[in-house]
Amino acid sequence: MARIDMRATLPRADWDIGHLGPKTSVTVHWNGPPVPTNLTPRAMVEADARFHISKDWSPEPGVQGGDGIMYHRLYAPNGDVILTREDDAVLWACGNAEGNRTSLHVQVMIGEGQHPSAAALWSLGRDLRALALPVRPHRFWSLTQCPGDELAAWVAQEPWKEADVGLTEEQIREIAKDEARAVILNEPHLITTAIGKDYGPKLEAELRARDERTLAAAVAAVRESG
């Protein structure tokens, strides 16, 4: 599971809300609407950044766009951690002035009707244990459904305080690989879109025959086979 730094490449406004650190809590969010399955995590983060810059965040008349994406980090289904803002950035993330200033805002990349993957929760749990700060669901700060009942319950249970969050990193990699394989086997049109040809049956056969391969290697082998 990689730590991907997009802070220097994401769209940003030509101004800045401000900075305050160190943070005194962590706030967990979700995306709200379901995360599209045909977008890579990077593409979704870039789309979020553009949306947050154009969004009207002000309760007053007029348009007050954001200065950039309103999360410090996002956790992808495969366990990758995407760094999007400096840790001391003040963000308009939770509808509460204190929470905006003093909390580190993280998003698990799911939305309504979707479930957090074991890999994403493992990565988030590892980071929460290292940060050793109080952890709040977004709904702690303001009236909202965010981050959904499942994530809110996970936060309340505080499983990251266990030494290994119940799984090793190797186990999580296997879970992430299995989840990716299941998506492609159940929805081969996603890979068809990605590589521009209906390779669904061939890809399924490749994955079943070479279970130890990563998804990327399987796709490459299918491409080469014509």
Protein backbone atom coordinates (compact mmCIF):
# COMPACT_ATOMS: atom_id res chain seq x y z
CA MET A 1 0.00 0.00 0.00
CA ALA A 2 1.59 3.21 -1.22
CA ARG A 3 1.63 6.73 0.13
CA ILE A 4 0.93 8.93 -2.90
CA ASP A 5 1.75 12.63 -2.61
CA MET A 6 -0.49 14.74 -4.89
CA ARG A 7 -0.10 18.00 -2.96
CA ALA A 8 2.02 19.69 -5.62
CA THR A 9 -0.07 18.58 -8.61
CA LEU A 10 -3.71 18.97 -7.57
CA PRO A 11 -5.72 21.98 -8.80
CA ARG A 12 -5.50 24.91 -6.36
CA ALA A 13 -6.96 28.40 -6.16
CA ASP A 14 -4.60 31.38 -6.15
CA TRP A 15 -5.25 32.06 -2.46
CA ASP A 16 -5.12 30.14 0.81
CA ILE A 17 -7.54 29.80 3.76
CA GLY A 18 -4.68 29.62 6.23
CA HIS A 19 -2.61 27.29 8.39
CA LEU A 20 -2.76 26.16 12.00
CA GLY A 21 -0.88 23.32 13.63
CA PRO A 22 -0.32 20.94 15.13
CA LYS A 23 -3.83 19.53 14.81
CA THR A 24 -5.57 18.31 17.95
CA SER A 25 -7.97 15.73 16.45
CA VAL A 26 -8.71 13.72 13.32
CA THR A 27 -12.08 13.88 11.55
CA VAL A 28 -13.23 10.98 9.36
CA HIS A 29 -15.36 11.66 6.28
CA TRP A 30 -16.87 9.81 3.35
CA ASN A 31 -17.57 11.11 -0.15
CA GLY A 32 -21.34 11.33 0.33
CA PRO A 33 -22.59 10.23 -3.11
CA PRO A 34 -21.28 6.81 -4.17
CA VAL A 35 -17.74 6.89 -5.53
CA PRO A 36 -17.85 5.99 -9.26
CA THR A 37 -16.25 2.61 -9.91
CA ASN A 38 -15.01 3.68 -13.34
CA LEU A 39 -12.67 6.34 -11.90
CA THR A 40 -9.24 5.65 -10.49
CA PRO A 41 -8.61 7.04 -6.99
CA ARG A 42 -6.29 9.69 -8.48
CA ALA A 43 -8.95 10.79 -10.97
CA MET A 44 -11.55 10.95 -8.20
CA VAL A 45 -9.26 13.09 -6.04
CA GLU A 46 -8.63 15.47 -8.94
CA ALA A 47 -12.37 15.74 -9.58
CA ASP A 48 -12.96 16.46 -5.87
CA ALA A 49 -10.34 19.22 -5.95
CA ARG A 50 -11.98 20.93 -8.94
CA PHE A 51 -15.41 20.60 -7.32
CA HIS A 52 -14.26 22.05 -4.00
CA ILE A 53 -12.66 25.04 -5.72
CA SER A 54 -15.90 25.83 -7.59
CA LYS A 55 -18.31 25.06 -4.74
CA ASP A 56 -20.02 27.89 -2.82
CA TRP A 57 -18.93 27.29 0.78
CA SER A 58 -20.38 30.50 2.20
CA PRO A 59 -23.76 30.76 3.97
CA GLU A 60 -23.90 34.39 2.81
CA PRO A 61 -25.21 35.44 -0.63
CA GLY A 62 -22.66 35.15 -3.41
CA VAL A 63 -20.09 32.55 -4.30
CA GLN A 64 -17.12 31.78 -2.07
CA GLY A 65 -15.14 29.02 -3.75
CA GLY A 66 -12.63 26.91 -1.86
CA ASP A 67 -8.86 27.14 -2.06
CA GLY A 68 -8.48 23.46 -2.99
CA ILE A 69 -9.60 20.00 -1.96
CA MET A 70 -11.00 19.99 1.57
CA TYR A 71 -9.33 16.82 2.84
CA HIS A 72 -5.78 16.39 4.07
CA ARG A 73 -5.64 12.70 3.10
CA LEU A 74 -7.82 10.18 1.30
CA TYR A 75 -7.77 6.40 1.75
CA ALA A 76 -8.30 4.37 -1.42
CA PRO A 77 -9.97 0.93 -1.47
CA ASN A 78 -6.62 -0.80 -2.11
CA GLY A 79 -5.13 0.82 1.01
CA ASP A 80 -3.16 3.57 -0.73
CA VAL A 81 -3.00 6.85 1.18
CA ILE A 82 -3.29 9.94 -1.01
CA LEU A 83 -1.79 13.08 0.52
CA THR A 84 -3.67 16.14 -0.73
CA ARG A 85 -3.01 19.08 1.64
CA GLU A 86 -0.32 20.07 4.13
CA ASP A 87 -1.14 18.72 7.58
CA ASP A 88 -1.42 22.23 9.06
CA ALA A 89 -3.82 23.54 6.37
CA VAL A 90 -7.10 25.00 7.64
CA LEU A 91 -9.94 23.50 5.59
CA TRP A 92 -13.67 24.13 5.29
CA ALA A 93 -14.41 20.49 5.85
CA CYS A 94 -16.83 19.94 8.73
CA GLY A 95 -19.20 22.92 9.05
CA ASN A 96 -17.69 23.98 12.37
CA ALA A 97 -15.11 26.73 12.80
CA GLU A 98 -13.15 24.93 15.52
CA GLY A 99 -13.18 21.64 13.66
CA ASN A 100 -12.10 23.33 10.43
CA ARG A 101 -9.12 24.93 12.15
CA THR A 102 -7.95 22.26 14.55
CA SER A 103 -8.72 18.87 12.96
CA LEU A 104 -6.92 16.76 10.37
CA HIS A 105 -9.58 15.81 7.82
CA VAL A 106 -9.40 12.40 6.13
CA GLN A 107 -11.76 10.70 3.70
CA VAL A 108 -12.35 6.98 3.23
CA MET A 109 -13.19 6.79 -0.48
CA ILE A 110 -16.73 5.43 -0.28
CA GLY A 111 -20.21 6.91 -0.46
CA GLU A 112 -23.80 6.00 0.26
CA GLY A 113 -24.46 2.29 -0.23
CA GLN A 114 -20.75 1.42 -0.34
CA HIS A 115 -18.65 -0.28 2.33
CA PRO A 116 -15.10 0.56 3.44
CA SER A 117 -12.57 -2.04 2.34
CA ALA A 118 -10.43 -3.88 4.86
CA ALA A 119 -7.34 -2.45 3.18
CA ALA A 120 -8.52 1.16 3.53
CA LEU A 121 -9.43 0.65 7.18
CA TRP A 122 -6.11 -1.01 7.89
CA SER A 123 -4.18 1.93 6.40
CA LEU A 124 -6.34 4.47 8.21
CA GLY A 125 -6.04 2.56 11.47
CA ARG A 126 -2.25 2.43 11.14
CA ASP A 127 -2.13 6.21 10.64
CA LEU A 128 -4.56 6.94 13.48
CA ARG A 129 -2.46 4.85 15.83
CA ALA A 130 0.65 6.80 14.81
CA LEU A 131 -1.08 10.19 15.16
CA ALA A 132 -2.44 9.31 18.62
CA LEU A 133 -5.11 12.03 18.47
CA PRO A 134 -8.82 11.93 19.35
CA VAL A 135 -10.81 10.74 16.34
CA ARG A 136 -14.25 12.11 15.43
CA PRO A 137 -16.77 11.33 12.72
CA HIS A 138 -17.77 14.39 10.69
CA ARG A 139 -21.22 14.26 12.33
CA PHE A 140 -19.55 15.09 15.66
CA TRP A 141 -19.02 18.66 14.43
CA SER A 142 -22.24 19.40 12.54
CA LEU A 143 -25.59 17.97 11.46
CA THR A 144 -24.73 15.54 8.64
CA GLN A 145 -24.91 11.87 7.66
CA CYS A 146 -21.15 11.88 7.01
CA PRO A 147 -19.29 9.54 7.27
CA GLY A 148 -22.22 7.10 7.16
CA ASP A 149 -23.32 4.75 9.92
CA GLU A 150 -20.75 2.03 9.19
CA LEU A 151 -17.74 4.33 9.36
CA ALA A 152 -19.16 6.21 12.35
CA ALA A 153 -19.52 2.90 14.20
CA TRP A 154 -15.95 1.95 13.27
CA VAL A 155 -14.69 5.24 14.69
CA ALA A 156 -16.67 4.69 17.89
CA GLN A 157 -15.19 1.20 18.33
CA GLU A 158 -11.58 2.49 17.96
CA PRO A 159 -10.15 -0.79 16.56
CA TRP A 160 -6.87 0.93 15.60
CA LYS A 161 -5.89 0.97 19.25
CA GLU A 162 -5.17 -2.76 18.93
CA ALA A 163 -1.53 -3.42 18.12
CA ASP A 164 -2.08 -4.74 14.59
CA VAL A 165 -5.68 -3.70 13.78
CA GLY A 166 -6.28 -7.42 13.47
CA LEU A 167 -4.42 -7.91 10.17
CA THR A 168 -0.88 -7.84 8.85
CA GLU A 169 0.05 -5.69 5.86
CA GLU A 170 0.62 -8.84 3.80
CA GLN A 171 -2.89 -10.04 4.64
CA ILE A 172 -4.31 -6.68 3.64
CA ARG A 173 -2.50 -6.79 0.29
CA GLU A 174 -4.09 -10.17 -0.36
CA ILE A 175 -7.53 -8.83 0.59
CA ALA A 176 -7.07 -5.83 -1.72
CA LYS A 177 -5.99 -8.11 -4.57
CA ASP A 178 -9.01 -10.36 -4.03
CA GLU A 179 -11.37 -7.38 -3.95
CA ALA A 180 -9.92 -5.99 -7.19
CA ARG A 181 -10.22 -9.41 -8.81
CA ALA A 182 -13.84 -9.74 -7.69
CA VAL A 183 -14.76 -6.37 -9.18
CA ILE A 184 -13.26 -7.24 -12.54
CA LEU A 185 -14.75 -10.73 -12.63
CA ASN A 186 -18.20 -9.41 -11.75
CA GLU A 187 -17.96 -6.28 -13.91
CA PRO A 188 -15.67 -7.03 -16.88
CA HIS A 189 -17.03 -3.98 -18.69
CA LEU A 190 -14.80 -1.87 -16.42
CA ILE A 191 -11.66 -3.41 -17.89
CA THR A 192 -13.22 -3.21 -21.35
CA THR A 193 -13.53 0.55 -20.87
CA ALA A 194 -9.96 0.77 -19.59
CA ILE A 195 -8.31 -0.99 -22.52
CA GLY A 196 -10.82 -0.31 -25.27
CA LYS A 197 -11.74 -3.86 -26.28
CA ASP A 198 -13.92 -6.65 -24.91
CA TYR A 199 -11.31 -8.74 -23.16
CA GLY A 200 -13.65 -9.77 -20.33
CA PRO A 201 -13.68 -13.57 -20.89
CA LYS A 202 -9.93 -13.71 -21.61
CA LEU A 203 -9.18 -11.63 -18.56
CA GLU A 204 -11.31 -13.86 -16.36
CA ALA A 205 -9.52 -16.96 -17.67
CA GLU A 206 -6.14 -15.34 -17.06
CA LEU A 207 -7.02 -14.39 -13.50
CA ARG A 208 -8.35 -17.84 -12.69
CA ALA A 209 -5.35 -19.60 -14.25
CA ARG A 210 -2.69 -17.39 -12.64
CA ASP A 211 -4.13 -16.53 -9.28
CA GLU A 212 -0.84 -15.16 -7.99
CA ARG A 213 -0.65 -12.42 -10.61
CA THR A 214 -1.58 -8.84 -9.88
CA LEU A 215 -4.45 -7.33 -11.81
CA ALA A 216 -2.03 -5.18 -13.82
CA ALA A 217 -0.01 -8.22 -14.89
CA ALA A 218 -3.17 -10.05 -15.91
CA VAL A 219 -4.33 -7.12 -18.02
CA ALA A 220 -0.91 -6.93 -19.69
CA ALA A 221 -0.98 -10.64 -20.48
CA VAL A 222 -4.44 -10.37 -22.00
CA ARG A 223 -3.36 -7.40 -24.14
CA GLU A 224 -0.35 -9.33 -25.41
CA SER A 225 -2.51 -12.33 -26.30
CA GLY A 226 -4.60 -10.22 -28.70
